[in-house]
Amino acid sequence: NPLKINDLASDMAPAVAAKVCGDKIYFYRVGFFGFQDTLWDESG
């Protein structure tokens, strides 16, 4: 991030910015930046 257009697809990989698993979580004016799998909102 940023991925260049001529990069090989094989170079792509999951690269998580945030994993969210807890319950009752509040994000206010928060940024999440990535390319593949940026925000993992897993449970809760």
PDB file of all heavy atoms in Angstrom:
ATOM      1  N   ASN A   1       0.842  -1.185   0.000  1.00  0.00           N
ATOM      2  CA  ASN A   1       0.000   0.000   0.000  1.00  0.00           C
ATOM      3  C   ASN A   1       0.890   1.252   0.000  1.00  0.00           C
ATOM      4  O   ASN A   1       1.496   1.577   1.019  1.00  0.00           O
ATOM      5  CB  ASN A   1      -0.894   0.008   1.235  1.00  0.00           C
ATOM      6  CG  ASN A   1      -1.864   1.182   1.215  1.00  0.00           C
ATOM      7  OD1 ASN A   1      -2.152   1.748   0.172  1.00  0.00           O
ATOM      8  ND2 ASN A   1      -2.353   1.553   2.380  1.00  0.00           N
ATOM      9  N   PRO A   2       1.016   1.915  -1.140  1.00  0.00           N
ATOM     10  CA  PRO A   2       0.269   1.622  -2.363  1.00  0.00           C
ATOM     11  C   PRO A   2       0.896   0.506  -3.194  1.00  0.00           C
ATOM     12  O   PRO A   2       2.116   0.356  -3.215  1.00  0.00           O
ATOM     13  CB  PRO A   2       0.334   2.946  -3.133  1.00  0.00           C
ATOM     14  CG  PRO A   2       1.644   3.529  -2.704  1.00  0.00           C
ATOM     15  CD  PRO A   2       1.820   3.140  -1.262  1.00  0.00           C
ATOM     16  N   LEU A   3       0.041  -0.275  -3.832  1.00  0.00           N
ATOM     17  CA  LEU A   3       0.494  -1.313  -4.759  1.00  0.00           C
ATOM     18  C   LEU A   3       0.678  -0.687  -6.133  1.00  0.00           C
ATOM     19  O   LEU A   3      -0.209  -0.004  -6.632  1.00  0.00           O
ATOM     20  CB  LEU A   3      -0.536  -2.436  -4.839  1.00  0.00           C
ATOM     21  CG  LEU A   3      -0.194  -3.602  -5.775  1.00  0.00           C
ATOM     22  CD1 LEU A   3       0.879  -4.484  -5.149  1.00  0.00           C
ATOM     23  CD2 LEU A   3      -1.431  -4.440  -6.074  1.00  0.00           C
ATOM     24  N   LYS A   4       1.830  -0.894  -6.720  1.00  0.00           N
ATOM     25  CA  LYS A   4       2.077  -0.358  -8.058  1.00  0.00           C
ATOM     26  C   LYS A   4       1.399  -1.249  -9.088  1.00  0.00           C
ATOM     27  O   LYS A   4       1.358  -2.468  -8.956  1.00  0.00           O
ATOM     28  CB  LYS A   4       3.582  -0.253  -8.325  1.00  0.00           C
ATOM     29  CG  LYS A   4       4.305   0.691  -7.369  1.00  0.00           C
ATOM     30  CD  LYS A   4       5.788   0.724  -7.639  1.00  0.00           C
ATOM     31  CE  LYS A   4       6.481   1.729  -6.726  1.00  0.00           C
ATOM     32  NZ  LYS A   4       6.319   1.390  -5.306  1.00  0.00           N
ATOM     33  N   ILE A   5       0.865  -0.621 -10.126  1.00  0.00           N
ATOM     34  CA  ILE A   5       0.049  -1.343 -11.102  1.00  0.00           C
ATOM     35  C   ILE A   5       0.810  -2.517 -11.716  1.00  0.00           C
ATOM     36  O   ILE A   5       0.235  -3.565 -11.990  1.00  0.00           O
ATOM     37  CB  ILE A   5      -0.444  -0.379 -12.211  1.00  0.00           C
ATOM     38  CG1 ILE A   5      -1.444   0.617 -11.599  1.00  0.00           C
ATOM     39  CG2 ILE A   5      -1.086  -1.126 -13.361  1.00  0.00           C
ATOM     40  CD1 ILE A   5      -1.957   1.648 -12.570  1.00  0.00           C
ATOM     41  N   ASN A   6       2.098  -2.398 -11.909  1.00  0.00           N
ATOM     42  CA  ASN A   6       2.867  -3.457 -12.560  1.00  0.00           C
ATOM     43  C   ASN A   6       3.379  -4.530 -11.602  1.00  0.00           C
ATOM     44  O   ASN A   6       4.051  -5.466 -12.014  1.00  0.00           O
ATOM     45  CB  ASN A   6       4.058  -2.843 -13.315  1.00  0.00           C
ATOM     46  CG  ASN A   6       3.606  -1.974 -14.478  1.00  0.00           C
ATOM     47  OD1 ASN A   6       2.613  -2.300 -15.141  1.00  0.00           O
ATOM     48  ND2 ASN A   6       4.301  -0.887 -14.720  1.00  0.00           N
ATOM     49  N   ASP A   7       3.076  -4.400 -10.315  1.00  0.00           N
ATOM     50  CA  ASP A   7       3.475  -5.444  -9.367  1.00  0.00           C
ATOM     51  C   ASP A   7       2.749  -6.742  -9.692  1.00  0.00           C
ATOM     52  O   ASP A   7       1.592  -6.749 -10.135  1.00  0.00           O
ATOM     53  CB  ASP A   7       3.143  -5.035  -7.931  1.00  0.00           C
ATOM     54  CG  ASP A   7       4.102  -3.986  -7.412  1.00  0.00           C
ATOM     55  OD1 ASP A   7       5.113  -3.719  -8.091  1.00  0.00           O
ATOM     56  OD2 ASP A   7       3.843  -3.435  -6.331  1.00  0.00           O
ATOM     57  N   LEU A   8       3.419  -7.867  -9.475  1.00  0.00           N
ATOM     58  CA  LEU A   8       2.807  -9.161  -9.738  1.00  0.00           C
ATOM     59  C   LEU A   8       1.715  -9.445  -8.732  1.00  0.00           C
ATOM     60  O   LEU A   8       1.813  -9.095  -7.559  1.00  0.00           O
ATOM     61  CB  LEU A   8       3.863 -10.264  -9.679  1.00  0.00           C
ATOM     62  CG  LEU A   8       4.971 -10.193 -10.737  1.00  0.00           C
ATOM     63  CD1 LEU A   8       6.012 -11.278 -10.468  1.00  0.00           C
ATOM     64  CD2 LEU A   8       4.392 -10.345 -12.135  1.00  0.00           C
ATOM     65  N   ALA A   9       0.656 -10.119  -9.173  1.00  0.00           N
ATOM     66  CA  ALA A   9      -0.431 -10.476  -8.269  1.00  0.00           C
ATOM     67  C   ALA A   9       0.063 -11.367  -7.141  1.00  0.00           C
ATOM     68  O   ALA A   9      -0.485 -11.364  -6.037  1.00  0.00           O
ATOM     69  CB  ALA A   9      -1.542 -11.182  -9.047  1.00  0.00           C
ATOM     70  N   SER A  10       1.110 -12.130  -7.400  1.00  0.00           N
ATOM     71  CA  SER A  10       1.642 -13.025  -6.372  1.00  0.00           C
ATOM     72  C   SER A  10       2.241 -12.261  -5.205  1.00  0.00           C
ATOM     73  O   SER A  10       2.449 -12.809  -4.118  1.00  0.00           O
ATOM     74  CB  SER A  10       2.692 -13.955  -6.979  1.00  0.00           C
ATOM     75  OG  SER A  10       3.751 -13.204  -7.542  1.00  0.00           O
ATOM     76  N   ASP A  11       2.531 -10.972  -5.413  1.00  0.00           N
ATOM     77  CA  ASP A  11       3.067 -10.157  -4.329  1.00  0.00           C
ATOM     78  C   ASP A  11       1.994  -9.718  -3.352  1.00  0.00           C
ATOM     79  O   ASP A  11       2.300  -9.271  -2.251  1.00  0.00           O
ATOM     80  CB  ASP A  11       3.748  -8.911  -4.900  1.00  0.00           C
ATOM     81  CG  ASP A  11       5.038  -9.257  -5.636  1.00  0.00           C
ATOM     82  OD1 ASP A  11       5.622 -10.308  -5.318  1.00  0.00           O
ATOM     83  OD2 ASP A  11       5.436  -8.490  -6.517  1.00  0.00           O
ATOM     84  N   MET A  12       0.731  -9.838  -3.753  1.00  0.00           N
ATOM     85  CA  MET A  12      -0.356  -9.452  -2.865  1.00  0.00           C
ATOM     86  C   MET A  12      -0.517 -10.483  -1.759  1.00  0.00           C
ATOM     87  O   MET A  12      -0.318 -11.685  -1.980  1.00  0.00           O
ATOM     88  CB  MET A  12      -1.661  -9.304  -3.644  1.00  0.00           C
ATOM     89  CG  MET A  12      -1.706  -8.116  -4.576  1.00  0.00           C
ATOM     90  SD  MET A  12      -3.262  -8.044  -5.486  1.00  0.00           S
ATOM     91  CE  MET A  12      -4.445  -8.065  -4.151  1.00  0.00           C
ATOM     92  N   ALA A  13      -0.869 -10.013  -0.602  1.00  0.00           N
ATOM     93  CA  ALA A  13      -1.068 -10.902   0.537  1.00  0.00           C
ATOM     94  C   ALA A  13      -1.969 -10.208   1.540  1.00  0.00           C
ATOM     95  O   ALA A  13      -2.038  -8.977   1.575  1.00  0.00           O
ATOM     96  CB  ALA A  13       0.275 -11.250   1.180  1.00  0.00           C
ATOM     97  N   PRO A  14      -2.681 -10.973   2.379  1.00  0.00           N
ATOM     98  CA  PRO A  14      -3.455 -10.342   3.449  1.00  0.00           C
ATOM     99  C   PRO A  14      -2.545  -9.486   4.318  1.00  0.00           C
ATOM    100  O   PRO A  14      -1.489  -9.942   4.761  1.00  0.00           O
ATOM    101  CB  PRO A  14      -4.015 -11.531   4.236  1.00  0.00           C
ATOM    102  CG  PRO A  14      -4.037 -12.665   3.247  1.00  0.00           C
ATOM    103  CD  PRO A  14      -2.838 -12.442   2.376  1.00  0.00           C
ATOM    104  N   ALA A  15      -2.951  -8.264   4.539  1.00  0.00           N
ATOM    105  CA  ALA A  15      -2.168  -7.329   5.347  1.00  0.00           C
ATOM    106  C   ALA A  15      -3.156  -6.472   6.128  1.00  0.00           C
ATOM    107  O   ALA A  15      -3.579  -5.416   5.669  1.00  0.00           O
ATOM    108  CB  ALA A  15      -1.256  -6.476   4.468  1.00  0.00           C
ATOM    109  N   VAL A  16      -3.517  -6.956   7.300  1.00  0.00           N
ATOM    110  CA  VAL A  16      -4.609  -6.377   8.083  1.00  0.00           C
ATOM    111  C   VAL A  16      -4.134  -5.141   8.837  1.00  0.00           C
ATOM    112  O   VAL A  16      -3.087  -5.170   9.489  1.00  0.00           O
ATOM    113  CB  VAL A  16      -5.166  -7.425   9.066  1.00  0.00           C
ATOM    114  CG1 VAL A  16      -6.284  -6.830   9.907  1.00  0.00           C
ATOM    115  CG2 VAL A  16      -5.666  -8.657   8.299  1.00  0.00           C
ATOM    116  N   ALA A  17      -4.914  -4.068   8.765  1.00  0.00           N
ATOM    117  CA  ALA A  17      -4.619  -2.880   9.559  1.00  0.00           C
ATOM    118  C   ALA A  17      -5.188  -3.014  10.966  1.00  0.00           C
ATOM    119  O   ALA A  17      -4.546  -2.626  11.937  1.00  0.00           O
ATOM    120  CB  ALA A  17      -5.180  -1.632   8.884  1.00  0.00           C
ATOM    121  N   ALA A  18      -6.405  -3.556  11.080  1.00  0.00           N
ATOM    122  CA  ALA A  18      -7.023  -3.702  12.396  1.00  0.00           C
ATOM    123  C   ALA A  18      -7.865  -4.965  12.445  1.00  0.00           C
ATOM    124  O   ALA A  18      -8.643  -5.245  11.535  1.00  0.00           O
ATOM    125  CB  ALA A  18      -7.885  -2.493  12.727  1.00  0.00           C
ATOM    126  N   LYS A  19      -7.705  -5.701  13.530  1.00  0.00           N
ATOM    127  CA  LYS A  19      -8.545  -6.867  13.820  1.00  0.00           C
ATOM    128  C   LYS A  19      -9.406  -6.531  15.025  1.00  0.00           C
ATOM    129  O   LYS A  19      -8.893  -6.122  16.074  1.00  0.00           O
ATOM    130  CB  LYS A  19      -7.678  -8.094  14.114  1.00  0.00           C
ATOM    131  CG  LYS A  19      -8.472  -9.345  14.477  1.00  0.00           C
ATOM    132  CD  LYS A  19      -7.532 -10.501  14.798  1.00  0.00           C
ATOM    133  CE  LYS A  19      -8.308 -11.757  15.177  1.00  0.00           C
ATOM    134  NZ  LYS A  19      -7.392 -12.885  15.512  1.00  0.00           N
ATOM    135  N   VAL A  20     -10.724  -6.687  14.879  1.00  0.00           N
ATOM    136  CA  VAL A  20     -11.663  -6.286  15.921  1.00  0.00           C
ATOM    137  C   VAL A  20     -12.461  -7.504  16.357  1.00  0.00           C
ATOM    138  O   VAL A  20     -13.275  -8.027  15.588  1.00  0.00           O
ATOM    139  CB  VAL A  20     -12.601  -5.172  15.421  1.00  0.00           C
ATOM    140  CG1 VAL A  20     -13.444  -4.630  16.568  1.00  0.00           C
ATOM    141  CG2 VAL A  20     -11.810  -4.045  14.762  1.00  0.00           C
ATOM    142  N   CYS A  21     -12.217  -7.947  17.580  1.00  0.00           N
ATOM    143  CA  CYS A  21     -12.862  -9.165  18.087  1.00  0.00           C
ATOM    144  C   CYS A  21     -13.684  -8.937  19.349  1.00  0.00           C
ATOM    145  O   CYS A  21     -14.530  -9.757  19.679  1.00  0.00           O
ATOM    146  CB  CYS A  21     -11.813 -10.234  18.403  1.00  0.00           C
ATOM    147  SG  CYS A  21     -10.966 -10.892  16.973  1.00  0.00           S
ATOM    148  N   GLY A  22     -13.402  -7.887  20.093  1.00  0.00           N
ATOM    149  CA  GLY A  22     -14.134  -7.654  21.331  1.00  0.00           C
ATOM    150  C   GLY A  22     -15.554  -7.202  21.085  1.00  0.00           C
ATOM    151  O   GLY A  22     -15.938  -6.815  19.976  1.00  0.00           O
ATOM    152  N   ASP A  23     -16.361  -7.229  22.135  1.00  0.00           N
ATOM    153  CA  ASP A  23     -17.754  -6.800  22.063  1.00  0.00           C
ATOM    154  C   ASP A  23     -17.875  -5.373  22.584  1.00  0.00           C
ATOM    155  O   ASP A  23     -17.101  -4.941  23.440  1.00  0.00           O
ATOM    156  CB  ASP A  23     -18.619  -7.742  22.909  1.00  0.00           C
ATOM    157  CG  ASP A  23     -20.104  -7.522  22.696  1.00  0.00           C
ATOM    158  OD1 ASP A  23     -20.498  -7.165  21.561  1.00  0.00           O
ATOM    159  OD2 ASP A  23     -20.884  -7.707  23.659  1.00  0.00           O
ATOM    160  N   LYS A  24     -18.837  -4.648  22.047  1.00  0.00           N
ATOM    161  CA  LYS A  24     -19.129  -3.269  22.471  1.00  0.00           C
ATOM    162  C   LYS A  24     -17.915  -2.352  22.277  1.00  0.00           C
ATOM    163  O   LYS A  24     -17.304  -1.869  23.232  1.00  0.00           O
ATOM    164  CB  LYS A  24     -19.627  -3.250  23.915  1.00  0.00           C
ATOM    165  CG  LYS A  24     -20.957  -3.969  24.087  1.00  0.00           C
ATOM    166  CD  LYS A  24     -21.513  -3.859  25.487  1.00  0.00           C
ATOM    167  CE  LYS A  24     -20.802  -4.786  26.441  1.00  0.00           C
ATOM    168  NZ  LYS A  24     -21.482  -4.841  27.770  1.00  0.00           N
ATOM    169  N   ILE A  25     -17.598  -2.140  21.007  1.00  0.00           N
ATOM    170  CA  ILE A  25     -16.468  -1.288  20.633  1.00  0.00           C
ATOM    171  C   ILE A  25     -16.973  -0.167  19.729  1.00  0.00           C
ATOM    172  O   ILE A  25     -17.720  -0.402  18.779  1.00  0.00           O
ATOM    173  CB  ILE A  25     -15.360  -2.090  19.934  1.00  0.00           C
ATOM    174  CG1 ILE A  25     -14.842  -3.197  20.866  1.00  0.00           C
ATOM    175  CG2 ILE A  25     -14.217  -1.177  19.504  1.00  0.00           C
ATOM    176  CD1 ILE A  25     -13.720  -4.029  20.281  1.00  0.00           C
ATOM    177  N   TYR A  26     -16.545   1.047  20.023  1.00  0.00           N
ATOM    178  CA  TYR A  26     -17.017   2.243  19.331  1.00  0.00           C
ATOM    179  C   TYR A  26     -15.801   2.957  18.725  1.00  0.00           C
ATOM    180  O   TYR A  26     -14.876   3.348  19.438  1.00  0.00           O
ATOM    181  CB  TYR A  26     -17.713   3.147  20.353  1.00  0.00           C
ATOM    182  CG  TYR A  26     -18.482   4.338  19.822  1.00  0.00           C
ATOM    183  CD1 TYR A  26     -19.516   4.883  20.574  1.00  0.00           C
ATOM    184  CD2 TYR A  26     -18.180   4.956  18.605  1.00  0.00           C
ATOM    185  CE1 TYR A  26     -20.234   5.994  20.125  1.00  0.00           C
ATOM    186  CE2 TYR A  26     -18.883   6.041  18.147  1.00  0.00           C
ATOM    187  CZ  TYR A  26     -19.915   6.567  18.921  1.00  0.00           C
ATOM    188  OH  TYR A  26     -20.623   7.661  18.466  1.00  0.00           O
ATOM    189  N   PHE A  27     -15.847   3.130  17.392  1.00  0.00           N
ATOM    190  CA  PHE A  27     -14.810   3.881  16.680  1.00  0.00           C
ATOM    191  C   PHE A  27     -15.408   5.196  16.198  1.00  0.00           C
ATOM    192  O   PHE A  27     -16.399   5.194  15.455  1.00  0.00           O
ATOM    193  CB  PHE A  27     -14.293   3.087  15.483  1.00  0.00           C
ATOM    194  CG  PHE A  27     -13.618   1.787  15.837  1.00  0.00           C
ATOM    195  CD1 PHE A  27     -14.319   0.594  15.796  1.00  0.00           C
ATOM    196  CD2 PHE A  27     -12.281   1.760  16.214  1.00  0.00           C
ATOM    197  CE1 PHE A  27     -13.708  -0.600  16.111  1.00  0.00           C
ATOM    198  CE2 PHE A  27     -11.651   0.572  16.534  1.00  0.00           C
ATOM    199  CZ  PHE A  27     -12.370  -0.615  16.488  1.00  0.00           C
ATOM    200  N   TYR A  28     -14.798   6.302  16.579  1.00  0.00           N
ATOM    201  CA  TYR A  28     -15.307   7.623  16.224  1.00  0.00           C
ATOM    202  C   TYR A  28     -14.202   8.419  15.537  1.00  0.00           C
ATOM    203  O   TYR A  28     -13.152   8.682  16.126  1.00  0.00           O
ATOM    204  CB  TYR A  28     -15.789   8.350  17.483  1.00  0.00           C
ATOM    205  CG  TYR A  28     -16.405   9.708  17.243  1.00  0.00           C
ATOM    206  CD1 TYR A  28     -17.729   9.828  16.823  1.00  0.00           C
ATOM    207  CD2 TYR A  28     -15.666  10.858  17.447  1.00  0.00           C
ATOM    208  CE1 TYR A  28     -18.297  11.074  16.604  1.00  0.00           C
ATOM    209  CE2 TYR A  28     -16.221  12.119  17.229  1.00  0.00           C
ATOM    210  CZ  TYR A  28     -17.540  12.225  16.806  1.00  0.00           C
ATOM    211  OH  TYR A  28     -18.095  13.451  16.583  1.00  0.00           O
ATOM    212  N   ARG A  29     -14.434   8.757  14.281  1.00  0.00           N
ATOM    213  CA  ARG A  29     -13.446   9.480  13.463  1.00  0.00           C
ATOM    214  C   ARG A  29     -12.096   8.757  13.462  1.00  0.00           C
ATOM    215  O   ARG A  29     -11.048   9.325  13.808  1.00  0.00           O
ATOM    216  CB  ARG A  29     -13.304  10.929  13.938  1.00  0.00           C
ATOM    217  CG  ARG A  29     -14.590  11.749  13.786  1.00  0.00           C
ATOM    218  CD  ARG A  29     -14.359  13.229  13.982  1.00  0.00           C
ATOM    219  NE  ARG A  29     -15.602  13.993  13.896  1.00  0.00           N
ATOM    220  CZ  ARG A  29     -16.191  14.399  12.759  1.00  0.00           C
ATOM    221  NH1 ARG A  29     -15.605  14.104  11.603  1.00  0.00           N
ATOM    222  NH2 ARG A  29     -17.314  15.075  12.784  1.00  0.00           N
ATOM    223  N   VAL A  30     -12.164   7.503  13.074  1.00  0.00           N
ATOM    224  CA  VAL A  30     -10.982   6.647  13.020  1.00  0.00           C
ATOM    225  C   VAL A  30     -10.732   6.245  11.575  1.00  0.00           C
ATOM    226  O   VAL A  30     -11.672   6.039  10.801  1.00  0.00           O
ATOM    227  CB  VAL A  30     -11.180   5.393  13.906  1.00  0.00           C
ATOM    228  CG1 VAL A  30     -10.014   4.420  13.768  1.00  0.00           C
ATOM    229  CG2 VAL A  30     -11.344   5.810  15.363  1.00  0.00           C
ATOM    230  N   GLY A  31      -9.457   6.119  11.191  1.00  0.00           N
ATOM    231  CA  GLY A  31      -9.097   5.707   9.844  1.00  0.00           C
ATOM    232  C   GLY A  31      -8.468   4.321   9.849  1.00  0.00           C
ATOM    233  O   GLY A  31      -7.714   3.959  10.756  1.00  0.00           O
ATOM    234  N   PHE A  32      -8.800   3.548   8.803  1.00  0.00           N
ATOM    235  CA  PHE A  32      -8.225   2.223   8.603  1.00  0.00           C
ATOM    236  C   PHE A  32      -7.709   2.168   7.166  1.00  0.00           C
ATOM    237  O   PHE A  32      -8.490   2.293   6.221  1.00  0.00           O
ATOM    238  CB  PHE A  32      -9.268   1.125   8.815  1.00  0.00           C
ATOM    239  CG  PHE A  32      -9.954   1.180  10.155  1.00  0.00           C
ATOM    240  CD1 PHE A  32     -11.119   1.927  10.330  1.00  0.00           C
ATOM    241  CD2 PHE A  32      -9.443   0.483  11.246  1.00  0.00           C
ATOM    242  CE1 PHE A  32     -11.763   1.990  11.559  1.00  0.00           C
ATOM    243  CE2 PHE A  32     -10.083   0.534  12.483  1.00  0.00           C
ATOM    244  CZ  PHE A  32     -11.233   1.285  12.631  1.00  0.00           C
ATOM    245  N   PHE A  33      -6.408   1.959   6.986  1.00  0.00           N
ATOM    246  CA  PHE A  33      -5.806   2.071   5.666  1.00  0.00           C
ATOM    247  C   PHE A  33      -4.983   0.823   5.354  1.00  0.00           C
ATOM    248  O   PHE A  33      -4.110   0.430   6.125  1.00  0.00           O
ATOM    249  CB  PHE A  33      -4.926   3.320   5.594  1.00  0.00           C
ATOM    250  CG  PHE A  33      -5.681   4.595   5.824  1.00  0.00           C
ATOM    251  CD1 PHE A  33      -5.796   5.135   7.099  1.00  0.00           C
ATOM    252  CD2 PHE A  33      -6.300   5.257   4.775  1.00  0.00           C
ATOM    253  CE1 PHE A  33      -6.499   6.298   7.323  1.00  0.00           C
ATOM    254  CE2 PHE A  33      -7.014   6.430   4.985  1.00  0.00           C
ATOM    255  CZ  PHE A  33      -7.114   6.950   6.264  1.00  0.00           C
ATOM    256  N   GLY A  34      -5.274   0.227   4.212  1.00  0.00           N
ATOM    257  CA  GLY A  34      -4.542  -0.943   3.754  1.00  0.00           C
ATOM    258  C   GLY A  34      -4.864  -1.205   2.308  1.00  0.00           C
ATOM    259  O   GLY A  34      -5.423  -0.348   1.597  1.00  0.00           O
ATOM    260  N   PHE A  35      -4.546  -2.405   1.847  1.00  0.00           N
ATOM    261  CA  PHE A  35      -4.838  -2.773   0.466  1.00  0.00           C
ATOM    262  C   PHE A  35      -5.710  -4.019   0.413  1.00  0.00           C
ATOM    263  O   PHE A  35      -6.805  -4.007  -0.114  1.00  0.00           O
ATOM    264  CB  PHE A  35      -3.541  -2.982  -0.319  1.00  0.00           C
ATOM    265  CG  PHE A  35      -3.761  -3.061  -1.805  1.00  0.00           C
ATOM    266  CD1 PHE A  35      -3.885  -1.893  -2.548  1.00  0.00           C
ATOM    267  CD2 PHE A  35      -3.876  -4.272  -2.457  1.00  0.00           C
ATOM    268  CE1 PHE A  35      -4.122  -1.941  -3.923  1.00  0.00           C
ATOM    269  CE2 PHE A  35      -4.104  -4.334  -3.825  1.00  0.00           C
ATOM    270  CZ  PHE A  35      -4.234  -3.166  -4.562  1.00  0.00           C
ATOM    271  N   GLN A  36      -5.229  -5.118   0.980  1.00  0.00           N
ATOM    272  CA  GLN A  36      -6.022  -6.339   1.044  1.00  0.00           C
ATOM    273  C   GLN A  36      -6.329  -6.661   2.498  1.00  0.00           C
ATOM    274  O   GLN A  36      -5.436  -6.671   3.350  1.00  0.00           O
ATOM    275  CB  GLN A  36      -5.276  -7.516   0.411  1.00  0.00           C
ATOM    276  CG  GLN A  36      -6.067  -8.826   0.428  1.00  0.00           C
ATOM    277  CD  GLN A  36      -5.358  -9.952  -0.298  1.00  0.00           C
ATOM    278  OE1 GLN A  36      -4.394  -9.732  -1.014  1.00  0.00           O
ATOM    279  NE2 GLN A  36      -5.844 -11.170  -0.120  1.00  0.00           N
ATOM    280  N   ASP A  37      -7.624  -6.898   2.800  1.00  0.00           N
ATOM    281  CA  ASP A  37      -8.057  -7.272   4.155  1.00  0.00           C
ATOM    282  C   ASP A  37      -7.749  -6.178   5.176  1.00  0.00           C
ATOM    283  O   ASP A  37      -7.261  -6.466   6.278  1.00  0.00           O
ATOM    284  CB  ASP A  37      -7.407  -8.582   4.592  1.00  0.00           C
ATOM    285  CG  ASP A  37      -7.811  -9.770   3.732  1.00  0.00           C
ATOM    286  OD1 ASP A  37      -8.706  -9.594   2.890  1.00  0.00           O
ATOM    287  OD2 ASP A  37      -7.233 -10.843   3.898  1.00  0.00           O
ATOM    288  N   THR A  38      -8.069  -4.953   4.853  1.00  0.00           N
ATOM    289  CA  THR A  38      -7.733  -3.820   5.731  1.00  0.00           C
ATOM    290  C   THR A  38      -8.349  -3.947   7.117  1.00  0.00           C
ATOM    291  O   THR A  38      -7.648  -3.887   8.130  1.00  0.00           O
ATOM    292  CB  THR A  38      -8.202  -2.500   5.091  1.00  0.00           C
ATOM    293  OG1 THR A  38      -7.613  -2.357   3.808  1.00  0.00           O
ATOM    294  CG2 THR A  38      -7.822  -1.312   5.959  1.00  0.00           C
ATOM    295  N   LEU A  39      -9.667  -4.091   7.178  1.00  0.00           N
ATOM    296  CA  LEU A  39     -10.387  -4.116   8.449  1.00  0.00           C
ATOM    297  C   LEU A  39     -11.016  -5.492   8.646  1.00  0.00           C
ATOM    298  O   LEU A  39     -11.933  -5.877   7.929  1.00  0.00           O
ATOM    299  CB  LEU A  39     -11.467  -3.029   8.464  1.00  0.00           C
ATOM    300  CG  LEU A  39     -12.391  -2.993   9.680  1.00  0.00           C
ATOM    301  CD1 LEU A  39     -11.608  -2.838  10.979  1.00  0.00           C
ATOM    302  CD2 LEU A  39     -13.430  -1.880   9.539  1.00  0.00           C
ATOM    303  N   TRP A  40     -10.510  -6.198   9.636  1.00  0.00           N
ATOM    304  CA  TRP A  40     -11.015  -7.531   9.962  1.00  0.00           C
ATOM    305  C   TRP A  40     -11.979  -7.394  11.139  1.00  0.00           C
ATOM    306  O   TRP A  40     -11.582  -7.410  12.292  1.00  0.00           O
ATOM    307  CB  TRP A  40      -9.848  -8.450  10.300  1.00  0.00           C
ATOM    308  CG  TRP A  40     -10.221  -9.882  10.558  1.00  0.00           C
ATOM    309  CD1 TRP A  40     -11.454 -10.461  10.484  1.00  0.00           C
ATOM    310  CD2 TRP A  40      -9.321 -10.936  10.922  1.00  0.00           C
ATOM    311  NE1 TRP A  40     -11.405 -11.800  10.777  1.00  0.00           N
ATOM    312  CE2 TRP A  40     -10.088 -12.114  11.052  1.00  0.00           C
ATOM    313  CE3 TRP A  40      -7.944 -10.977  11.154  1.00  0.00           C
ATOM    314  CZ2 TRP A  40      -9.522 -13.334  11.416  1.00  0.00           C
ATOM    315  CZ3 TRP A  40      -7.377 -12.187  11.509  1.00  0.00           C
ATOM    316  CH2 TRP A  40      -8.152 -13.357  11.630  1.00  0.00           C
ATOM    317  N   ASP A  41     -13.248  -7.247  10.837  1.00  0.00           N
ATOM    318  CA  ASP A  41     -14.283  -7.147  11.860  1.00  0.00           C
ATOM    319  C   ASP A  41     -14.787  -8.569  12.126  1.00  0.00           C
ATOM    320  O   ASP A  41     -15.729  -9.037  11.497  1.00  0.00           O
ATOM    321  CB  ASP A  41     -15.410  -6.230  11.376  1.00  0.00           C
ATOM    322  CG  ASP A  41     -16.353  -5.849  12.485  1.00  0.00           C
ATOM    323  OD1 ASP A  41     -17.092  -6.737  12.973  1.00  0.00           O
ATOM    324  OD2 ASP A  41     -16.365  -4.683  12.884  1.00  0.00           O
ATOM    325  N   GLU A  42     -14.135  -9.221  13.060  1.00  0.00           N
ATOM    326  CA  GLU A  42     -14.283 -10.670  13.191  1.00  0.00           C
ATOM    327  C   GLU A  42     -15.464 -11.092  14.056  1.00  0.00           C
ATOM    328  O   GLU A  42     -16.209 -11.997  13.692  1.00  0.00           O
ATOM    329  CB  GLU A  42     -12.989 -11.268  13.762  1.00  0.00           C
ATOM    330  CG  GLU A  42     -13.055 -12.746  14.110  1.00  0.00           C
ATOM    331  CD  GLU A  42     -13.538 -13.652  12.971  1.00  0.00           C
ATOM    332  OE1 GLU A  42     -13.531 -13.229  11.796  1.00  0.00           O
ATOM    333  OE2 GLU A  42     -13.946 -14.784  13.258  1.00  0.00           O
ATOM    334  N   SER A  43     -15.660 -10.462  15.207  1.00  0.00           N
ATOM    335  CA  SER A  43     -16.757 -10.884  16.090  1.00  0.00           C
ATOM    336  C   SER A  43     -17.075  -9.755  17.061  1.00  0.00           C
ATOM    337  O   SER A  43     -16.255  -8.878  17.324  1.00  0.00           O
ATOM    338  CB  SER A  43     -16.372 -12.151  16.864  1.00  0.00           C
ATOM    339  OG  SER A  43     -15.219 -11.933  17.652  1.00  0.00           O
ATOM    340  N   GLY A  44     -18.288  -9.790  17.592  1.00  0.00           N
ATOM    341  CA  GLY A  44     -18.724  -8.770  18.527  1.00  0.00           C
ATOM    342  C   GLY A  44     -19.507  -7.665  17.845  1.00  0.00           C
ATOM    343  O   GLY A  44     -19.629  -7.619  16.620  1.00  0.00           O
TER     344      GLY A  44
END
